[in-house]
Amino acid sequence: MGQANLNDTTANAIRDRYKTLFANSFAPNVRYEQMPGADERIAYATEFAAFRLGQIDDKLGRLIELMERAAGPPAPETR
């Protein structure tokens, strides 16, 4: 049971670190002592883009909900 808690804690810490990192503007992972390879830079940029698209999707979903609530209940169908 202790091992599962450690894994959950580690997973949460990694998730929090990514959220903090991706919440800021994109900055390539450049290290002066050694430039990361193209594959690593592409993977990082792809993860960043996916995270930001997810945020946009969430915000659009909330916006649609607010607009639907403001519009009121749908009109009854007539035939």
N, C-alpha and C. Protein backbone atom coordinates (compact mmCIF):
# COMPACT_ATOMS: atom_id res chain seq x y z
N MET A 1 0.82 -1.19 0.00
CA MET A 1 0.00 0.00 0.00
C MET A 1 0.87 1.25 0.00
N GLY A 2 2.00 1.22 0.72
CA GLY A 2 2.91 2.35 0.75
C GLY A 2 3.46 2.66 -0.63
N GLN A 3 3.74 1.62 -1.42
CA GLN A 3 4.26 1.80 -2.77
C GLN A 3 3.25 2.50 -3.67
N ALA A 4 1.97 2.15 -3.54
CA ALA A 4 0.93 2.79 -4.36
C ALA A 4 0.82 4.27 -4.04
N ASN A 5 0.91 4.61 -2.74
CA ASN A 5 0.85 6.02 -2.35
C ASN A 5 2.04 6.79 -2.90
N LEU A 6 3.22 6.16 -2.87
CA LEU A 6 4.41 6.81 -3.42
C LEU A 6 4.22 7.05 -4.91
N ASN A 7 3.69 6.07 -5.62
CA ASN A 7 3.47 6.22 -7.05
C ASN A 7 2.44 7.30 -7.35
N ASP A 8 1.36 7.34 -6.56
CA ASP A 8 0.34 8.38 -6.74
C ASP A 8 0.93 9.76 -6.48
N THR A 9 1.72 9.86 -5.41
CA THR A 9 2.35 11.14 -5.08
C THR A 9 3.31 11.56 -6.18
N THR A 10 4.09 10.63 -6.67
CA THR A 10 5.04 10.93 -7.74
C THR A 10 4.30 11.33 -9.00
N ALA A 11 3.24 10.62 -9.35
CA ALA A 11 2.45 10.96 -10.54
C ALA A 11 1.82 12.33 -10.40
N ASN A 12 1.30 12.65 -9.22
CA ASN A 12 0.71 13.97 -8.98
C ASN A 12 1.76 15.07 -9.08
N ALA A 13 2.94 14.81 -8.56
CA ALA A 13 4.02 15.81 -8.63
C ALA A 13 4.42 16.07 -10.07
N ILE A 14 4.53 15.01 -10.85
CA ILE A 14 4.89 15.16 -12.27
C ILE A 14 3.79 15.90 -13.01
N ARG A 15 2.53 15.55 -12.75
CA ARG A 15 1.39 16.23 -13.39
C ARG A 15 1.37 17.71 -13.03
N ASP A 16 1.61 18.03 -11.75
CA ASP A 16 1.64 19.43 -11.32
C ASP A 16 2.78 20.19 -11.97
N ARG A 17 3.93 19.53 -12.11
CA ARG A 17 5.07 20.19 -12.74
C ARG A 17 4.76 20.50 -14.21
N TYR A 18 4.13 19.57 -14.92
CA TYR A 18 3.76 19.81 -16.31
C TYR A 18 2.72 20.92 -16.42
N LYS A 19 1.73 20.92 -15.52
CA LYS A 19 0.71 21.97 -15.56
C LYS A 19 1.34 23.33 -15.37
N THR A 20 2.26 23.43 -14.42
CA THR A 20 2.95 24.70 -14.18
C THR A 20 3.78 25.10 -15.39
N LEU A 21 4.50 24.14 -15.94
CA LEU A 21 5.35 24.41 -17.10
C LEU A 21 4.53 24.84 -18.30
N PHE A 22 3.44 24.14 -18.58
CA PHE A 22 2.64 24.42 -19.76
C PHE A 22 1.70 25.61 -19.58
N ALA A 23 1.46 26.01 -18.35
CA ALA A 23 0.58 27.16 -18.12
C ALA A 23 1.25 28.46 -18.57
N ASN A 24 2.56 28.44 -18.65
CA ASN A 24 3.30 29.62 -19.10
C ASN A 24 3.42 29.59 -20.61
N SER A 25 3.90 30.67 -21.17
CA SER A 25 4.13 30.71 -22.61
C SER A 25 5.16 29.66 -22.98
N PHE A 26 5.08 29.20 -24.21
CA PHE A 26 5.99 28.16 -24.67
C PHE A 26 7.42 28.69 -24.70
N ALA A 27 8.31 27.94 -24.13
CA ALA A 27 9.73 28.26 -24.19
C ALA A 27 10.46 26.95 -24.51
N PRO A 28 11.17 26.91 -25.62
CA PRO A 28 11.87 25.67 -25.97
C PRO A 28 12.80 25.24 -24.85
N ASN A 29 12.97 23.96 -24.71
CA ASN A 29 13.82 23.40 -23.66
C ASN A 29 15.28 23.50 -24.12
N VAL A 30 15.89 24.65 -23.94
CA VAL A 30 17.25 24.88 -24.39
C VAL A 30 18.17 24.85 -23.19
N ARG A 31 19.18 24.03 -23.29
CA ARG A 31 20.22 23.99 -22.26
C ARG A 31 21.53 24.39 -22.94
N TYR A 32 22.23 25.32 -22.35
CA TYR A 32 23.45 25.82 -22.98
C TYR A 32 24.53 24.76 -23.08
N GLU A 33 24.59 23.88 -22.10
CA GLU A 33 25.65 22.87 -22.11
C GLU A 33 25.41 21.77 -23.15
N GLN A 34 24.15 21.53 -23.50
CA GLN A 34 23.85 20.50 -24.49
C GLN A 34 22.46 20.75 -25.07
N MET A 35 22.39 20.98 -26.34
CA MET A 35 21.11 21.23 -27.01
C MET A 35 20.36 19.91 -27.16
N PRO A 36 19.09 19.86 -26.75
CA PRO A 36 18.32 18.63 -26.93
C PRO A 36 18.16 18.32 -28.41
N GLY A 37 18.00 17.05 -28.71
CA GLY A 37 17.81 16.63 -30.09
C GLY A 37 16.47 17.08 -30.63
N ALA A 38 16.36 17.05 -31.94
CA ALA A 38 15.12 17.48 -32.60
C ALA A 38 13.93 16.67 -32.13
N ASP A 39 14.11 15.36 -31.94
CA ASP A 39 13.00 14.51 -31.49
C ASP A 39 12.48 14.97 -30.13
N GLU A 40 13.39 15.29 -29.23
CA GLU A 40 12.98 15.73 -27.89
C GLU A 40 12.27 17.08 -27.97
N ARG A 41 12.78 18.00 -28.78
CA ARG A 41 12.14 19.31 -28.91
C ARG A 41 10.76 19.19 -29.55
N ILE A 42 10.63 18.32 -30.55
CA ILE A 42 9.33 18.12 -31.21
C ILE A 42 8.33 17.50 -30.23
N ALA A 43 8.78 16.52 -29.44
CA ALA A 43 7.90 15.89 -28.47
C ALA A 43 7.41 16.91 -27.44
N TYR A 44 8.31 17.76 -26.97
CA TYR A 44 7.94 18.78 -25.99
C TYR A 44 6.95 19.77 -26.59
N ALA A 45 7.20 20.22 -27.81
CA ALA A 45 6.30 21.17 -28.47
C ALA A 45 4.94 20.55 -28.71
N THR A 46 4.90 19.27 -29.06
CA THR A 46 3.63 18.57 -29.30
C THR A 46 2.83 18.45 -28.01
N GLU A 47 3.50 18.10 -26.92
CA GLU A 47 2.82 18.01 -25.63
C GLU A 47 2.27 19.37 -25.21
N PHE A 48 3.05 20.42 -25.43
CA PHE A 48 2.60 21.76 -25.09
C PHE A 48 1.37 22.14 -25.90
N ALA A 49 1.40 21.87 -27.21
CA ALA A 49 0.26 22.19 -28.08
C ALA A 49 -0.98 21.41 -27.65
N ALA A 50 -0.82 20.13 -27.34
CA ALA A 50 -1.96 19.32 -26.92
C ALA A 50 -2.54 19.85 -25.61
N PHE A 51 -1.70 20.24 -24.69
CA PHE A 51 -2.18 20.80 -23.41
C PHE A 51 -2.98 22.06 -23.65
N ARG A 52 -2.44 22.97 -24.47
CA ARG A 52 -3.12 24.23 -24.73
C ARG A 52 -4.43 24.02 -25.48
N LEU A 53 -4.46 23.09 -26.43
CA LEU A 53 -5.71 22.79 -27.14
C LEU A 53 -6.76 22.24 -26.18
N GLY A 54 -6.33 21.44 -25.22
CA GLY A 54 -7.26 20.95 -24.21
C GLY A 54 -7.84 22.08 -23.39
N GLN A 55 -7.00 23.06 -23.05
CA GLN A 55 -7.50 24.22 -22.30
C GLN A 55 -8.51 25.01 -23.15
N ILE A 56 -8.22 25.19 -24.42
CA ILE A 56 -9.14 25.92 -25.31
C ILE A 56 -10.46 25.17 -25.40
N ASP A 57 -10.40 23.85 -25.54
CA ASP A 57 -11.61 23.04 -25.62
C ASP A 57 -12.46 23.19 -24.36
N ASP A 58 -11.81 23.16 -23.19
CA ASP A 58 -12.54 23.33 -21.92
C ASP A 58 -13.22 24.70 -21.86
N LYS A 59 -12.50 25.73 -22.25
CA LYS A 59 -13.06 27.09 -22.19
C LYS A 59 -14.21 27.25 -23.18
N LEU A 60 -14.07 26.69 -24.36
CA LEU A 60 -15.17 26.77 -25.33
C LEU A 60 -16.40 26.02 -24.82
N GLY A 61 -16.19 24.89 -24.18
CA GLY A 61 -17.31 24.14 -23.61
C GLY A 61 -18.05 24.96 -22.57
N ARG A 62 -17.30 25.64 -21.70
CA ARG A 62 -17.93 26.48 -20.68
C ARG A 62 -18.66 27.66 -21.33
N LEU A 63 -18.06 28.23 -22.36
CA LEU A 63 -18.69 29.35 -23.06
C LEU A 63 -20.01 28.93 -23.71
N ILE A 64 -20.03 27.77 -24.32
CA ILE A 64 -21.25 27.26 -24.95
C ILE A 64 -22.33 27.04 -23.90
N GLU A 65 -21.93 26.47 -22.74
CA GLU A 65 -22.91 26.27 -21.66
C GLU A 65 -23.52 27.59 -21.23
N LEU A 66 -22.67 28.61 -21.03
CA LEU A 66 -23.18 29.92 -20.61
C LEU A 66 -24.11 30.51 -21.66
N MET A 67 -23.78 30.38 -22.92
CA MET A 67 -24.62 30.91 -23.99
C MET A 67 -25.95 30.17 -24.05
N GLU A 68 -25.92 28.86 -23.84
CA GLU A 68 -27.17 28.09 -23.86
C GLU A 68 -28.05 28.46 -22.69
N ARG A 69 -27.45 28.67 -21.51
CA ARG A 69 -28.24 29.08 -20.35
C ARG A 69 -28.85 30.46 -20.56
N ALA A 70 -28.09 31.36 -21.16
CA ALA A 70 -28.59 32.73 -21.40
C ALA A 70 -29.71 32.72 -22.42
N ALA A 71 -29.68 31.78 -23.35
CA ALA A 71 -30.72 31.70 -24.37
C ALA A 71 -32.02 31.16 -23.80
N GLY A 72 -31.95 30.51 -22.67
CA GLY A 72 -33.16 29.97 -22.05
C GLY A 72 -33.49 28.58 -22.57
N PRO A 73 -34.60 28.04 -22.10
CA PRO A 73 -34.97 26.68 -22.53
C PRO A 73 -35.36 26.67 -24.00
N PRO A 74 -35.13 25.54 -24.66
CA PRO A 74 -35.48 25.47 -26.09
C PRO A 74 -37.00 25.56 -26.27
N ALA A 75 -37.40 26.15 -27.37
CA ALA A 75 -38.83 26.28 -27.67
C ALA A 75 -39.42 24.91 -27.98
N PRO A 76 -40.66 24.68 -27.57
CA PRO A 76 -41.27 23.37 -27.85
C PRO A 76 -41.43 23.21 -29.36
N GLU A 77 -41.30 21.96 -29.77
CA GLU A 77 -41.45 21.68 -31.21
C GLU A 77 -42.94 21.68 -31.58
N THR A 78 -43.22 22.23 -32.73
CA THR A 78 -44.60 22.21 -33.23
C THR A 78 -44.60 21.53 -34.59
N ARG A 79 -45.68 20.84 -34.87
CA ARG A 79 -45.80 20.14 -36.17
C ARG A 79 -47.03 20.56 -36.85
